[in-house]
C-alpha atoms as a PDB file:
ATOM      1  CA  UNK A   1      66.132  -4.892  33.992  1.00  0.00           C
ATOM      2  CA  UNK A   2      62.995  -3.789  31.680  1.00  0.00           C
ATOM      3  CA  UNK A   3      61.497  -0.597  33.536  1.00  0.00           C
ATOM      4  CA  UNK A   4      59.496   1.441  31.377  1.00  0.00           C
ATOM      5  CA  UNK A   5      57.703   3.190  34.275  1.00  0.00           C
ATOM      6  CA  UNK A   6      58.488   6.573  34.380  1.00  0.00           C
ATOM      7  CA  UNK A   7      60.999   7.026  31.227  1.00  0.00           C
ATOM      8  CA  UNK A   8      63.534   8.658  33.077  1.00  0.00           C
ATOM      9  CA  UNK A   9      66.959   7.590  32.834  1.00  0.00           C
ATOM     10  CA  UNK A  10      68.722   6.999  36.140  1.00  0.00           C
ATOM     11  CA  UNK A  11      70.540  10.316  36.520  1.00  0.00           C
ATOM     12  CA  UNK A  12      67.352  12.432  35.681  1.00  0.00           C
ATOM     13  CA  UNK A  13      65.412   9.822  38.446  1.00  0.00           C
ATOM     14  CA  UNK A  14      68.170  10.472  40.793  1.00  0.00           C
ATOM     15  CA  UNK A  15      67.874  14.419  40.386  1.00  0.00           C
ATOM     16  CA  UNK A  16      64.186  14.237  40.904  1.00  0.00           C
ATOM     17  CA  UNK A  17      64.578  12.343  43.984  1.00  0.00           C
ATOM     18  CA  UNK A  18      67.128  14.741  45.064  1.00  0.00           C
ATOM     19  CA  UNK A  19      64.807  17.759  44.433  1.00  0.00           C
ATOM     20  CA  UNK A  20      61.863  15.924  46.212  1.00  0.00           C
ATOM     21  CA  UNK A  21      64.029  15.164  49.316  1.00  0.00           C
ATOM     22  CA  UNK A  22      65.167  18.823  49.370  1.00  0.00           C
ATOM     23  CA  UNK A  23      61.427  20.191  49.166  1.00  0.00           C
ATOM     24  CA  UNK A  24      60.903  17.736  52.398  1.00  0.00           C
ATOM     25  CA  UNK A  25      63.804  18.939  54.311  1.00  0.00           C
ATOM     26  CA  UNK A  26      63.155  22.276  53.743  1.00  0.00           C
ATOM     27  CA  UNK A  27      58.924  22.347  54.353  1.00  0.00           C
ATOM     28  CA  UNK A  28      60.169  20.021  57.611  1.00  0.00           C
ATOM     29  CA  UNK A  29      62.396  22.545  59.142  1.00  0.00           C
ATOM     30  CA  UNK A  30      59.959  25.281  58.447  1.00  0.00           C
ATOM     31  CA  UNK A  31      57.441  23.225  60.383  1.00  0.00           C
ATOM     32  CA  UNK A  32      59.673  22.554  63.001  1.00  0.00           C
ATOM     33  CA  UNK A  33      60.625  26.545  63.549  1.00  0.00           C
ATOM     34  CA  UNK A  34      57.001  26.964  63.431  1.00  0.00           C
ATOM     35  CA  UNK A  35      56.149  24.651  66.437  1.00  0.00           C
ATOM     36  CA  UNK A  36      59.174  25.769  68.077  1.00  0.00           C
ATOM     37  CA  UNK A  37      58.082  29.122  68.262  1.00  0.00           C
ATOM     38  CA  UNK A  38      54.584  28.696  69.109  1.00  0.00           C
ATOM     39  CA  UNK A  39      55.441  27.036  72.157  1.00  0.00           C
ATOM     40  CA  UNK A  40      58.519  29.184  73.136  1.00  0.00           C
ATOM     41  CA  UNK A  41      55.689  32.019  73.175  1.00  0.00           C
ATOM     42  CA  UNK A  42      53.002  30.595  74.836  1.00  0.00           C
END
C-alpha cells in the first residue's frame, strides 16, 4: 500500500485516533450532563 497522505506511522495514526476519540467521548459526556441538569432543574 502506497499511502503518503499524512506521513504518520500506523502507530502514530492510532494514537492520534485514540486521542480524538477520547476528546469526543469527554465532550459528549459533558454535553449529556449539561442537558441532564438543565432538564432536571426546569
